[in-house]
Every structure is written in C-alpha cells, then in structure tokens.
C-alpha atoms as a PDB file:
ATOM      1  CA  UNK A   1       4.382 -29.275   1.044  1.00  0.00           C
ATOM      2  CA  UNK A   2       1.546 -28.607  -1.428  1.00  0.00           C
ATOM      3  CA  UNK A   3      -0.232 -25.322  -0.655  1.00  0.00           C
ATOM      4  CA  UNK A   4      -2.787 -23.286  -2.613  1.00  0.00           C
ATOM      5  CA  UNK A   5      -2.573 -19.521  -2.833  1.00  0.00           C
ATOM      6  CA  UNK A   6      -5.763 -18.125  -1.226  1.00  0.00           C
ATOM      7  CA  UNK A   7      -6.053 -15.582  -4.047  1.00  0.00           C
ATOM      8  CA  UNK A   8      -7.195 -18.449  -6.280  1.00  0.00           C
ATOM      9  CA  UNK A   9     -10.420 -18.395  -4.273  1.00  0.00           C
ATOM     10  CA  UNK A  10     -10.219 -14.690  -3.499  1.00  0.00           C
ATOM     11  CA  UNK A  11     -10.628 -13.365  -7.039  1.00  0.00           C
ATOM     12  CA  UNK A  12     -14.181 -14.730  -7.517  1.00  0.00           C
ATOM     13  CA  UNK A  13     -15.050 -13.313  -4.085  1.00  0.00           C
ATOM     14  CA  UNK A  14     -13.619  -9.927  -5.108  1.00  0.00           C
ATOM     15  CA  UNK A  15     -15.921  -9.828  -8.126  1.00  0.00           C
ATOM     16  CA  UNK A  16     -18.948 -10.938  -6.112  1.00  0.00           C
ATOM     17  CA  UNK A  17     -18.431  -8.375  -3.338  1.00  0.00           C
ATOM     18  CA  UNK A  18     -17.760  -5.553  -5.816  1.00  0.00           C
ATOM     19  CA  UNK A  19     -21.028  -6.330  -7.605  1.00  0.00           C
ATOM     20  CA  UNK A  20     -22.838  -6.554  -4.272  1.00  0.00           C
ATOM     21  CA  UNK A  21     -21.517  -3.181  -3.094  1.00  0.00           C
ATOM     22  CA  UNK A  22     -22.203  -1.619  -6.484  1.00  0.00           C
ATOM     23  CA  UNK A  23     -25.801  -2.876  -6.475  1.00  0.00           C
ATOM     24  CA  UNK A  24     -26.351  -1.781  -2.890  1.00  0.00           C
ATOM     25  CA  UNK A  25     -25.012   1.720  -3.562  1.00  0.00           C
ATOM     26  CA  UNK A  26     -27.187   2.194  -6.658  1.00  0.00           C
ATOM     27  CA  UNK A  27     -30.343   0.920  -4.974  1.00  0.00           C
ATOM     28  CA  UNK A  28     -29.863   2.902  -1.756  1.00  0.00           C
ATOM     29  CA  UNK A  29     -29.360   6.401  -3.150  1.00  0.00           C
ATOM     30  CA  UNK A  30     -25.570   6.353  -2.979  1.00  0.00           C
ATOM     31  CA  UNK A  31     -25.052   6.911  -6.701  1.00  0.00           C
ATOM     32  CA  UNK A  32     -21.771   8.794  -6.316  1.00  0.00           C
ATOM     33  CA  UNK A  33     -19.956   5.876  -4.689  1.00  0.00           C
ATOM     34  CA  UNK A  34     -19.220   4.361  -8.103  1.00  0.00           C
ATOM     35  CA  UNK A  35     -18.416   6.329 -11.238  1.00  0.00           C
ATOM     36  CA  UNK A  36     -18.748   4.117 -14.309  1.00  0.00           C
ATOM     37  CA  UNK A  37     -15.707   5.426 -16.194  1.00  0.00           C
ATOM     38  CA  UNK A  38     -13.598   5.326 -13.062  1.00  0.00           C
ATOM     39  CA  UNK A  39     -14.843   1.819 -12.285  1.00  0.00           C
ATOM     40  CA  UNK A  40     -14.013   0.663 -15.815  1.00  0.00           C
ATOM     41  CA  UNK A  41     -10.453   2.018 -15.468  1.00  0.00           C
ATOM     42  CA  UNK A  42     -10.054   0.262 -12.107  1.00  0.00           C
ATOM     43  CA  UNK A  43     -11.374  -2.975 -13.580  1.00  0.00           C
ATOM     44  CA  UNK A  44      -8.987  -2.803 -16.539  1.00  0.00           C
ATOM     45  CA  UNK A  45      -5.987  -2.337 -14.257  1.00  0.00           C
ATOM     46  CA  UNK A  46      -7.220  -5.053 -11.914  1.00  0.00           C
ATOM     47  CA  UNK A  47      -7.506  -7.517 -14.790  1.00  0.00           C
ATOM     48  CA  UNK A  48      -4.045  -6.501 -15.976  1.00  0.00           C
ATOM     49  CA  UNK A  49      -2.620  -7.149 -12.516  1.00  0.00           C
ATOM     50  CA  UNK A  50      -4.352 -10.530 -12.382  1.00  0.00           C
ATOM     51  CA  UNK A  51      -2.700 -11.482 -15.677  1.00  0.00           C
ATOM     52  CA  UNK A  52       0.759 -10.063 -14.930  1.00  0.00           C
ATOM     53  CA  UNK A  53       1.002 -11.135 -11.278  1.00  0.00           C
ATOM     54  CA  UNK A  54       1.269 -14.906 -11.944  1.00  0.00           C
ATOM     55  CA  UNK A  55       4.080 -14.284 -14.440  1.00  0.00           C
ATOM     56  CA  UNK A  56       5.999 -12.176 -11.925  1.00  0.00           C
ATOM     57  CA  UNK A  57       5.409 -14.747  -9.206  1.00  0.00           C
ATOM     58  CA  UNK A  58       6.917 -17.462 -11.399  1.00  0.00           C
ATOM     59  CA  UNK A  59      10.097 -15.387 -11.644  1.00  0.00           C
ATOM     60  CA  UNK A  60      10.277 -14.066  -8.095  1.00  0.00           C
ATOM     61  CA  UNK A  61       8.381 -16.452  -5.868  1.00  0.00           C
ATOM     62  CA  UNK A  62       9.896 -19.518  -7.461  1.00  0.00           C
ATOM     63  CA  UNK A  63      13.290 -18.324  -8.663  1.00  0.00           C
ATOM     64  CA  UNK A  64      14.188 -15.541  -6.213  1.00  0.00           C
ATOM     65  CA  UNK A  65      12.458 -16.859  -3.073  1.00  0.00           C
ATOM     66  CA  UNK A  66      13.545 -20.433  -3.706  1.00  0.00           C
ATOM     67  CA  UNK A  67      17.110 -19.349  -4.504  1.00  0.00           C
ATOM     68  CA  UNK A  68      17.335 -17.205  -1.380  1.00  0.00           C
ATOM     69  CA  UNK A  69      15.889 -20.019   0.715  1.00  0.00           C
ATOM     70  CA  UNK A  70      18.263 -22.618  -0.697  1.00  0.00           C
ATOM     71  CA  UNK A  71      21.324 -20.357  -0.452  1.00  0.00           C
ATOM     72  CA  UNK A  72      20.766 -19.315   3.166  1.00  0.00           C
ATOM     73  CA  UNK A  73      19.214 -22.601   4.304  1.00  0.00           C
ATOM     74  CA  UNK A  74      21.297 -25.428   2.831  1.00  0.00           C
ATOM     75  CA  UNK A  75      20.624 -29.056   3.664  1.00  0.00           C
ATOM     76  CA  UNK A  76      23.147 -30.221   6.249  1.00  0.00           C
ATOM     77  CA  UNK A  77      23.117 -33.905   7.223  1.00  0.00           C
ATOM     78  CA  UNK A  78      19.631 -34.229   5.754  1.00  0.00           C
ATOM     79  CA  UNK A  79      18.257 -31.215   7.660  1.00  0.00           C
ATOM     80  CA  UNK A  80      17.455 -27.828   6.152  1.00  0.00           C
ATOM     81  CA  UNK A  81      19.654 -25.561   8.289  1.00  0.00           C
ATOM     82  CA  UNK A  82      20.018 -21.798   8.276  1.00  0.00           C
ATOM     83  CA  UNK A  83      23.554 -20.440   7.868  1.00  0.00           C
ATOM     84  CA  UNK A  84      23.241 -18.972  11.379  1.00  0.00           C
ATOM     85  CA  UNK A  85      23.120 -22.514  12.727  1.00  0.00           C
ATOM     86  CA  UNK A  86      19.471 -23.199  13.563  1.00  0.00           C
ATOM     87  CA  UNK A  87      17.048 -25.529  11.795  1.00  0.00           C
ATOM     88  CA  UNK A  88      14.933 -23.719   9.230  1.00  0.00           C
ATOM     89  CA  UNK A  89      11.321 -23.146  10.182  1.00  0.00           C
ATOM     90  CA  UNK A  90       8.763 -25.828   9.505  1.00  0.00           C
ATOM     91  CA  UNK A  91       4.981 -25.640   9.184  1.00  0.00           C
ATOM     92  CA  UNK A  92       3.829 -25.649  12.811  1.00  0.00           C
ATOM     93  CA  UNK A  93       0.848 -23.398  13.589  1.00  0.00           C
ATOM     94  CA  UNK A  94       2.971 -20.908  15.521  1.00  0.00           C
ATOM     95  CA  UNK A  95       5.408 -20.635  12.593  1.00  0.00           C
ATOM     96  CA  UNK A  96       2.461 -19.604  10.418  1.00  0.00           C
ATOM     97  CA  UNK A  97       1.587 -16.892  12.931  1.00  0.00           C
ATOM     98  CA  UNK A  98       5.184 -15.678  13.021  1.00  0.00           C
ATOM     99  CA  UNK A  99       5.315 -15.675   9.224  1.00  0.00           C
ATOM    100  CA  UNK A 100       2.116 -13.635   9.005  1.00  0.00           C
ATOM    101  CA  UNK A 101       3.511 -11.177  11.551  1.00  0.00           C
ATOM    102  CA  UNK A 102       6.747 -10.915   9.566  1.00  0.00           C
ATOM    103  CA  UNK A 103       4.657 -10.362   6.449  1.00  0.00           C
ATOM    104  CA  UNK A 104       2.736  -7.580   8.198  1.00  0.00           C
ATOM    105  CA  UNK A 105       5.963  -5.892   9.289  1.00  0.00           C
ATOM    106  CA  UNK A 106       7.346  -6.151   5.765  1.00  0.00           C
ATOM    107  CA  UNK A 107       4.108  -4.908   4.214  1.00  0.00           C
ATOM    108  CA  UNK A 108       4.235  -1.808   6.421  1.00  0.00           C
ATOM    109  CA  UNK A 109       7.708  -0.834   5.196  1.00  0.00           C
ATOM    110  CA  UNK A 110       6.967  -1.794   1.598  1.00  0.00           C
ATOM    111  CA  UNK A 111       3.782   0.286   1.671  1.00  0.00           C
ATOM    112  CA  UNK A 112       5.464   3.207   3.436  1.00  0.00           C
ATOM    113  CA  UNK A 113       8.315   3.171   0.911  1.00  0.00           C
ATOM    114  CA  UNK A 114       5.723   3.394  -1.848  1.00  0.00           C
ATOM    115  CA  UNK A 115       4.634   6.731  -0.379  1.00  0.00           C
ATOM    116  CA  UNK A 116       8.037   8.133   0.542  1.00  0.00           C
ATOM    117  CA  UNK A 117      10.222   7.178  -2.444  1.00  0.00           C
ATOM    118  CA  UNK A 118       9.061   8.926  -5.588  1.00  0.00           C
ATOM    119  CA  UNK A 119      10.018   6.152  -8.008  1.00  0.00           C
ATOM    120  CA  UNK A 120       7.910   3.716  -5.991  1.00  0.00           C
ATOM    121  CA  UNK A 121       5.162   6.313  -5.624  1.00  0.00           C
ATOM    122  CA  UNK A 122       5.011   6.565  -9.412  1.00  0.00           C
ATOM    123  CA  UNK A 123       4.001   2.904  -9.438  1.00  0.00           C
ATOM    124  CA  UNK A 124       1.759   3.047  -6.370  1.00  0.00           C
ATOM    125  CA  UNK A 125      -0.083   6.310  -7.152  1.00  0.00           C
ATOM    126  CA  UNK A 126      -2.255   4.248  -9.503  1.00  0.00           C
ATOM    127  CA  UNK A 127      -4.010   2.715  -6.504  1.00  0.00           C
ATOM    128  CA  UNK A 128      -4.702   6.140  -4.984  1.00  0.00           C
ATOM    129  CA  UNK A 129      -5.621   7.949  -8.177  1.00  0.00           C
ATOM    130  CA  UNK A 130      -9.376   7.415  -7.939  1.00  0.00           C
ATOM    131  CA  UNK A 131     -11.606  10.040  -6.304  1.00  0.00           C
ATOM    132  CA  UNK A 132     -13.839   7.180  -5.199  1.00  0.00           C
ATOM    133  CA  UNK A 133     -13.320   4.815  -2.300  1.00  0.00           C
ATOM    134  CA  UNK A 134     -14.981   1.465  -2.880  1.00  0.00           C
ATOM    135  CA  UNK A 135     -14.209  -2.200  -3.426  1.00  0.00           C
ATOM    136  CA  UNK A 136     -13.648  -1.450  -7.104  1.00  0.00           C
ATOM    137  CA  UNK A 137     -10.804   0.851  -6.101  1.00  0.00           C
ATOM    138  CA  UNK A 138      -9.263  -2.069  -4.202  1.00  0.00           C
ATOM    139  CA  UNK A 139      -8.364  -3.802  -7.478  1.00  0.00           C
ATOM    140  CA  UNK A 140      -7.002  -0.592  -9.054  1.00  0.00           C
ATOM    141  CA  UNK A 141      -3.414  -1.736  -8.707  1.00  0.00           C
ATOM    142  CA  UNK A 142      -0.318  -0.472 -10.473  1.00  0.00           C
ATOM    143  CA  UNK A 143       1.412  -3.081 -12.606  1.00  0.00           C
ATOM    144  CA  UNK A 144       4.957  -1.901 -11.900  1.00  0.00           C
ATOM    145  CA  UNK A 145       4.827  -2.543  -8.149  1.00  0.00           C
ATOM    146  CA  UNK A 146       4.872  -6.234  -8.982  1.00  0.00           C
ATOM    147  CA  UNK A 147       8.428  -5.856 -10.260  1.00  0.00           C
ATOM    148  CA  UNK A 148       9.979  -4.828  -6.947  1.00  0.00           C
ATOM    149  CA  UNK A 149       7.553  -5.906  -4.212  1.00  0.00           C
ATOM    150  CA  UNK A 150       9.080  -9.407  -3.815  1.00  0.00           C
ATOM    151  CA  UNK A 151      12.484  -7.832  -3.123  1.00  0.00           C
ATOM    152  CA  UNK A 152      11.120  -6.436   0.155  1.00  0.00           C
ATOM    153  CA  UNK A 153      10.134  -9.957   1.216  1.00  0.00           C
ATOM    154  CA  UNK A 154      13.350 -11.787   0.330  1.00  0.00           C
ATOM    155  CA  UNK A 155      14.584 -11.606   3.906  1.00  0.00           C
ATOM    156  CA  UNK A 156      11.806 -13.971   5.017  1.00  0.00           C
ATOM    157  CA  UNK A 157      12.946 -17.063   3.081  1.00  0.00           C
ATOM    158  CA  UNK A 158      16.519 -16.026   3.844  1.00  0.00           C
ATOM    159  CA  UNK A 159      15.953 -16.451   7.597  1.00  0.00           C
ATOM    160  CA  UNK A 160      14.128 -19.759   7.170  1.00  0.00           C
ATOM    161  CA  UNK A 161      10.470 -19.308   6.240  1.00  0.00           C
ATOM    162  CA  UNK A 162       9.535 -21.682   3.427  1.00  0.00           C
ATOM    163  CA  UNK A 163       8.917 -19.782   0.147  1.00  0.00           C
ATOM    164  CA  UNK A 164       5.432 -21.255  -0.292  1.00  0.00           C
ATOM    165  CA  UNK A 165       4.534 -20.117   3.221  1.00  0.00           C
ATOM    166  CA  UNK A 166       5.633 -16.566   2.396  1.00  0.00           C
ATOM    167  CA  UNK A 167       3.519 -16.603  -0.783  1.00  0.00           C
ATOM    168  CA  UNK A 168       0.458 -17.826   1.153  1.00  0.00           C
ATOM    169  CA  UNK A 169       0.874 -15.080   3.769  1.00  0.00           C
ATOM    170  CA  UNK A 170       1.165 -12.512   0.975  1.00  0.00           C
ATOM    171  CA  UNK A 171      -2.116 -13.819  -0.408  1.00  0.00           C
ATOM    172  CA  UNK A 172      -3.850 -13.615   2.971  1.00  0.00           C
ATOM    173  CA  UNK A 173      -2.619 -10.032   3.327  1.00  0.00           C
ATOM    174  CA  UNK A 174      -4.084  -9.185  -0.100  1.00  0.00           C
ATOM    175  CA  UNK A 175      -7.476 -10.572   0.967  1.00  0.00           C
ATOM    176  CA  UNK A 176      -7.470  -8.372   4.067  1.00  0.00           C
ATOM    177  CA  UNK A 177      -6.453  -5.309   2.101  1.00  0.00           C
ATOM    178  CA  UNK A 178      -9.262  -5.799  -0.404  1.00  0.00           C
ATOM    179  CA  UNK A 179     -12.080  -5.750   2.123  1.00  0.00           C
ATOM    180  CA  UNK A 180     -10.769  -2.554   3.778  1.00  0.00           C
ATOM    181  CA  UNK A 181     -11.884  -0.479   0.777  1.00  0.00           C
ATOM    182  CA  UNK A 182     -15.446   0.289   1.775  1.00  0.00           C
ATOM    183  CA  UNK A 183     -17.232   3.168   3.509  1.00  0.00           C
ATOM    184  CA  UNK A 184     -20.039   0.904   4.712  1.00  0.00           C
ATOM    185  CA  UNK A 185     -18.165  -0.453   7.752  1.00  0.00           C
ATOM    186  CA  UNK A 186     -18.079   1.983  10.718  1.00  0.00           C
ATOM    187  CA  UNK A 187     -15.516   2.155  13.503  1.00  0.00           C
ATOM    188  CA  UNK A 188     -15.127  -1.221  15.175  1.00  0.00           C
ATOM    189  CA  UNK A 189     -14.665  -0.262  18.818  1.00  0.00           C
ATOM    190  CA  UNK A 190     -11.967  -2.192  20.657  1.00  0.00           C
ATOM    191  CA  UNK A 191     -10.657  -3.734  17.433  1.00  0.00           C
ATOM    192  CA  UNK A 192      -9.531  -0.264  16.364  1.00  0.00           C
ATOM    193  CA  UNK A 193      -6.807  -0.448  19.012  1.00  0.00           C
ATOM    194  CA  UNK A 194      -5.184  -3.449  17.328  1.00  0.00           C
ATOM    195  CA  UNK A 195      -6.182  -3.806  13.710  1.00  0.00           C
ATOM    196  CA  UNK A 196      -5.955  -1.664  10.611  1.00  0.00           C
ATOM    197  CA  UNK A 197      -9.655  -1.080   9.960  1.00  0.00           C
ATOM    198  CA  UNK A 198     -11.895   0.327   7.255  1.00  0.00           C
ATOM    199  CA  UNK A 199     -12.031   3.847   8.685  1.00  0.00           C
ATOM    200  CA  UNK A 200      -8.264   3.872   9.135  1.00  0.00           C
ATOM    201  CA  UNK A 201      -7.898   2.929   5.483  1.00  0.00           C
ATOM    202  CA  UNK A 202     -10.197   5.782   4.520  1.00  0.00           C
ATOM    203  CA  UNK A 203      -7.634   8.028   6.200  1.00  0.00           C
ATOM    204  CA  UNK A 204      -4.915   6.399   4.126  1.00  0.00           C
ATOM    205  CA  UNK A 205      -6.771   7.071   0.861  1.00  0.00           C
ATOM    206  CA  UNK A 206      -7.624  10.672   1.706  1.00  0.00           C
ATOM    207  CA  UNK A 207      -5.858  13.648   0.157  1.00  0.00           C
ATOM    208  CA  UNK A 208      -6.615  15.861   3.166  1.00  0.00           C
ATOM    209  CA  UNK A 209      -3.251  17.254   4.226  1.00  0.00           C
ATOM    210  CA  UNK A 210      -3.470  16.019   7.820  1.00  0.00           C
ATOM    211  CA  UNK A 211      -4.226  12.502   6.535  1.00  0.00           C
ATOM    212  CA  UNK A 212      -1.502  12.183   3.883  1.00  0.00           C
ATOM    213  CA  UNK A 213       1.011   9.329   4.285  1.00  0.00           C
ATOM    214  CA  UNK A 214      -0.744   7.818   7.288  1.00  0.00           C
ATOM    215  CA  UNK A 215      -1.862   4.286   8.192  1.00  0.00           C
ATOM    216  CA  UNK A 216       0.381   2.127   6.007  1.00  0.00           C
ATOM    217  CA  UNK A 217      -0.302  -1.017   8.020  1.00  0.00           C
ATOM    218  CA  UNK A 218      -1.582  -4.382   6.856  1.00  0.00           C
ATOM    219  CA  UNK A 219      -3.570  -6.365   9.428  1.00  0.00           C
ATOM    220  CA  UNK A 220      -2.234  -4.478  12.425  1.00  0.00           C
ATOM    221  CA  UNK A 221      -1.841  -0.794  13.224  1.00  0.00           C
ATOM    222  CA  UNK A 222       0.959  -1.406  15.728  1.00  0.00           C
ATOM    223  CA  UNK A 223       3.732  -0.570  13.272  1.00  0.00           C
ATOM    224  CA  UNK A 224       2.087   2.745  12.330  1.00  0.00           C
ATOM    225  CA  UNK A 225       1.890   3.575  16.035  1.00  0.00           C
ATOM    226  CA  UNK A 226       5.496   2.483  16.647  1.00  0.00           C
ATOM    227  CA  UNK A 227       6.950   4.449  13.742  1.00  0.00           C
ATOM    228  CA  UNK A 228       4.822   7.594  13.876  1.00  0.00           C
ATOM    229  CA  UNK A 229       2.504   7.198  10.886  1.00  0.00           C
ATOM    230  CA  UNK A 230      -0.781   6.359  12.605  1.00  0.00           C
ATOM    231  CA  UNK A 231      -3.742   8.714  12.352  1.00  0.00           C
ATOM    232  CA  UNK A 232      -7.208   8.125  13.751  1.00  0.00           C
ATOM    233  CA  UNK A 233     -10.261   8.748  11.589  1.00  0.00           C
ATOM    234  CA  UNK A 234     -11.878  12.044  12.608  1.00  0.00           C
ATOM    235  CA  UNK A 235     -15.597  12.163  11.838  1.00  0.00           C
ATOM    236  CA  UNK A 236     -15.453  15.980  11.941  1.00  0.00           C
ATOM    237  CA  UNK A 237     -13.172  16.064   8.901  1.00  0.00           C
ATOM    238  CA  UNK A 238     -14.841  15.710   5.512  1.00  0.00           C
ATOM    239  CA  UNK A 239     -12.715  13.169   3.683  1.00  0.00           C
ATOM    240  CA  UNK A 240     -11.656  13.919   0.127  1.00  0.00           C
ATOM    241  CA  UNK A 241     -10.340  10.825  -1.586  1.00  0.00           C
ATOM    242  CA  UNK A 242      -7.705  10.696  -4.307  1.00  0.00           C
ATOM    243  CA  UNK A 243      -4.342  12.393  -4.843  1.00  0.00           C
ATOM    244  CA  UNK A 244      -3.254  16.012  -5.088  1.00  0.00           C
ATOM    245  CA  UNK A 245      -1.421  15.351  -8.367  1.00  0.00           C
ATOM    246  CA  UNK A 246      -4.206  13.476 -10.154  1.00  0.00           C
ATOM    247  CA  UNK A 247      -3.835  12.151 -13.717  1.00  0.00           C
ATOM    248  CA  UNK A 248      -7.183  13.776 -14.657  1.00  0.00           C
ATOM    249  CA  UNK A 249      -7.893  10.904 -17.039  1.00  0.00           C
ATOM    250  CA  UNK A 250      -9.748   7.597 -17.181  1.00  0.00           C
ATOM    251  CA  UNK A 251      -7.260   6.238 -19.708  1.00  0.00           C
ATOM    252  CA  UNK A 252      -5.540   3.303 -17.948  1.00  0.00           C
ATOM    253  CA  UNK A 253      -2.231   3.926 -19.732  1.00  0.00           C
ATOM    254  CA  UNK A 254      -2.203   7.561 -18.575  1.00  0.00           C
ATOM    255  CA  UNK A 255      -3.079   6.493 -15.030  1.00  0.00           C
ATOM    256  CA  UNK A 256      -0.304   3.886 -15.019  1.00  0.00           C
ATOM    257  CA  UNK A 257       2.423   6.163 -16.388  1.00  0.00           C
ATOM    258  CA  UNK A 258       1.674   9.841 -15.639  1.00  0.00           C
ATOM    259  CA  UNK A 259       3.904  10.109 -12.566  1.00  0.00           C
ATOM    260  CA  UNK A 260       6.809   8.431 -14.372  1.00  0.00           C
ATOM    261  CA  UNK A 261       6.412  11.075 -17.068  1.00  0.00           C
ATOM    262  CA  UNK A 262       6.539  13.820 -14.428  1.00  0.00           C
ATOM    263  CA  UNK A 263       9.707  12.310 -12.948  1.00  0.00           C
ATOM    264  CA  UNK A 264      11.303  12.264 -16.391  1.00  0.00           C
ATOM    265  CA  UNK A 265      10.448  15.937 -16.938  1.00  0.00           C
ATOM    266  CA  UNK A 266      11.876  16.901 -13.529  1.00  0.00           C
ATOM    267  CA  UNK A 267      15.075  14.936 -14.108  1.00  0.00           C
ATOM    268  CA  UNK A 268      15.489  16.470 -17.563  1.00  0.00           C
ATOM    269  CA  UNK A 269      15.425  20.005 -16.144  1.00  0.00           C
ATOM    270  CA  UNK A 270      17.824  19.176 -13.283  1.00  0.00           C
ATOM    271  CA  UNK A 271      21.126  21.054 -13.305  1.00  0.00           C
ATOM    272  CA  UNK A 272      22.829  18.755 -10.813  1.00  0.00           C
ATOM    273  CA  UNK A 273      23.103  14.988 -10.598  1.00  0.00           C
ATOM    274  CA  UNK A 274      22.141  15.162  -6.921  1.00  0.00           C
ATOM    275  CA  UNK A 275      18.923  16.969  -7.850  1.00  0.00           C
ATOM    276  CA  UNK A 276      18.124  14.390 -10.514  1.00  0.00           C
ATOM    277  CA  UNK A 277      18.638  11.558  -8.026  1.00  0.00           C
ATOM    278  CA  UNK A 278      16.414  13.290  -5.464  1.00  0.00           C
ATOM    279  CA  UNK A 279      13.672  13.673  -8.037  1.00  0.00           C
ATOM    280  CA  UNK A 280      13.845   9.899  -8.545  1.00  0.00           C
ATOM    281  CA  UNK A 281      14.566   8.544  -5.077  1.00  0.00           C
ATOM    282  CA  UNK A 282      13.592  11.430  -2.810  1.00  0.00           C
ATOM    283  CA  UNK A 283      10.104  11.935  -1.388  1.00  0.00           C
ATOM    284  CA  UNK A 284       7.302  13.053  -3.729  1.00  0.00           C
ATOM    285  CA  UNK A 285       7.043  16.836  -3.829  1.00  0.00           C
ATOM    286  CA  UNK A 286      10.750  17.434  -3.192  1.00  0.00           C
ATOM    287  CA  UNK A 287      12.312  20.340  -5.080  1.00  0.00           C
ATOM    288  CA  UNK A 288      15.738  21.987  -4.722  1.00  0.00           C
ATOM    289  CA  UNK A 289      14.287  25.492  -4.407  1.00  0.00           C
ATOM    290  CA  UNK A 290      11.211  24.737  -2.305  1.00  0.00           C
ATOM    291  CA  UNK A 291       8.837  25.562  -5.151  1.00  0.00           C
ATOM    292  CA  UNK A 292       7.081  22.300  -4.340  1.00  0.00           C
ATOM    293  CA  UNK A 293       6.989  20.696  -0.901  1.00  0.00           C
ATOM    294  CA  UNK A 294       7.002  17.174   0.461  1.00  0.00           C
ATOM    295  CA  UNK A 295       4.118  15.929   2.576  1.00  0.00           C
ATOM    296  CA  UNK A 296       6.151  16.265   5.776  1.00  0.00           C
ATOM    297  CA  UNK A 297       7.082  19.853   4.909  1.00  0.00           C
ATOM    298  CA  UNK A 298       3.452  20.720   4.211  1.00  0.00           C
ATOM    299  CA  UNK A 299       2.284  19.083   7.433  1.00  0.00           C
ATOM    300  CA  UNK A 300       4.887  20.980   9.471  1.00  0.00           C
ATOM    301  CA  UNK A 301       3.627  24.238   7.969  1.00  0.00           C
ATOM    302  CA  UNK A 302       0.061  23.237   8.803  1.00  0.00           C
ATOM    303  CA  UNK A 303       1.018  22.545  12.415  1.00  0.00           C
ATOM    304  CA  UNK A 304       2.771  25.919  12.674  1.00  0.00           C
ATOM    305  CA  UNK A 305      -0.308  27.653  11.296  1.00  0.00           C
ATOM    306  CA  UNK A 306      -2.523  25.873  13.801  1.00  0.00           C
ATOM    307  CA  UNK A 307      -0.157  26.799  16.642  1.00  0.00           C
ATOM    308  CA  UNK A 308      -0.035  30.448  15.587  1.00  0.00           C
ATOM    309  CA  UNK A 309      -3.819  30.522  15.245  1.00  0.00           C
ATOM    310  CA  UNK A 310      -4.216  29.068  18.738  1.00  0.00           C
ATOM    311  CA  UNK A 311      -1.776  31.628  20.162  1.00  0.00           C
ATOM    312  CA  UNK A 312      -3.697  34.481  18.507  1.00  0.00           C
ATOM    313  CA  UNK A 313      -6.966  33.202  19.960  1.00  0.00           C
ATOM    314  CA  UNK A 314      -5.348  32.887  23.384  1.00  0.00           C
ATOM    315  CA  UNK A 315      -3.924  36.387  23.170  1.00  0.00           C
ATOM    316  CA  UNK A 316      -7.253  37.906  22.153  1.00  0.00           C
ATOM    317  CA  UNK A 317      -9.061  36.314  25.096  1.00  0.00           C
ATOM    318  CA  UNK A 318      -6.529  37.315  27.765  1.00  0.00           C
END
C-alpha cells in the first residue's frame, strides 16, 4: 500500500508557524520569547535532523521494520500470518486507531527512557537545552536519538502492524509534538483530562524541581497518569525553562555533545565497573557517594522539606 509520510507536508508548516509565532512575539511586546542566537542553534540542529532522519529511516524503517515484520509475520498459504497464529493486521480504520494508540504507548516509554537513562538523556538533553519555549525549540532535536528510537518501535511490526503504518503514525505523533511548544495556548478545559496539552508540555520543559521528569506523553496523558509521571500545570509557579546542567553555549556541536563529554569524564574517574555502568545507564545525577542526586532523590528531599515545614507551621499554631 502506497502511503506518504505526513512529515513531508509538515516541514513547510513547521517553518510557516515558527515564522508566524516569531513575528507575533516581536510585534506584541514579547521580545524575550525568541533569542536570535538560541533560535539559530535550534534551526541548525533542526536542519541537521531533517537531513539525517531520512537516512536513518532508510536503514531502520525499511530494513529493521520490514525484517521484523517479515520474520514474525510470514506468508502462509498466501496470507500474511503472525507466528502466534492470527492474520497480520490490515489497513482498516480501527487498525489505524490501534496503531496510533500503540505508538502513543511506545512514545511514552521511549520519551521516559530518554529522561531516566543517562546515555539516552545525553542525546535528548539537546531538545531541553534552550531557556526558551517556542515553536523554534520544537525543532531543536538531538541527532543521536535517531539511532536508537526505532528500536523502541520494533515490537509493533513484530506483532503485525505494517511497517509503513508504523512510520505514518510516528509522523503524526511528530506533528502533534511540534505544535505543543508554544506558550500562546492556555489550558483547554475538558481536553486536559485526556490529552497532553500545551501547558502540560510547558511543565515537561521546565527545570523547576517539582516539574522535572513529568508529562512524557504523546497525544494522551493517560500513560503519565497510569505510571505516576503526570503533573498538572500550576499557574502559581513561575516556570523556568531549560535544564539544570546547561551547555552554556550556542555552538550546536557543544549542545549536541556536552553531556556525552560529562559521561566520559565520570566514567574515567570511576573506581569500579559498576559505578562506570551506572554513570552510563543509570539515571542522570546518580553518583556513588551522593555528591550529586537524581531527580527522584531531589524530589523526595523537597517533599520531606515541605512536610517538615507544614508540621512546624501546625505546631506553632496549636
């Protein structure tokens, strides 16, 4: 079945909407929304991703997805049949919905892994490294994530979803993710109960401690709510965008590689193999002596401080 990746049409729309938001911000007194040097760095990395992505997709989407699909869904008596005994999925409308839901589930765990495994975080931190939150930031993508992202999705063609269908759903997900990167869309009422919205994505891009590693979802927020990573946008909290370990540079090469360099330095000083492996595959911030803390450790300390503060207030008023 001949299908066209929606990103073919999405890229021109990305450029148009970025220019529209940029113009609106500059003509409506919101000059700080876009920083020119930061925007240039984001654009450079976005162009790089647009060039590299098709090459990776040729290798993975065609070779890996097609191989997995063919291996686990051989043709038996003229019918593509999964090794578990059922006919592989076709192209009915409900199969598309199921595929998009499977994509959303996979995106959640892929995105969460990017925040909780330091090696993946080294690739993904690029997207979070800007202090600005705008549609330009949406295209600020790390190039190295393209090398392992398809591996998270291999299970979909393995169980019977056609490879081209998986690629299309990945493209639709990318379109949704792009438009989330704006501060000009407020809370959306009832839709907030179901979908991952613009304010929820502001939470995700914040470096405020209570917001770190929250809202990893794609279209839906159900998986964040199911697995304990959902956080509602609080209008009382002043959001600070970016990362706590910022590259402090507009040089795209520095932005792309600085966390890998930090991993190398940590591994080099490790006295045990187990420590070296944790520096690579453990959560960002992990250290054997507690000199640096993971996000979960920091958030637990914050909760304890809040609890102790509340108990002191209670004690003083009784």
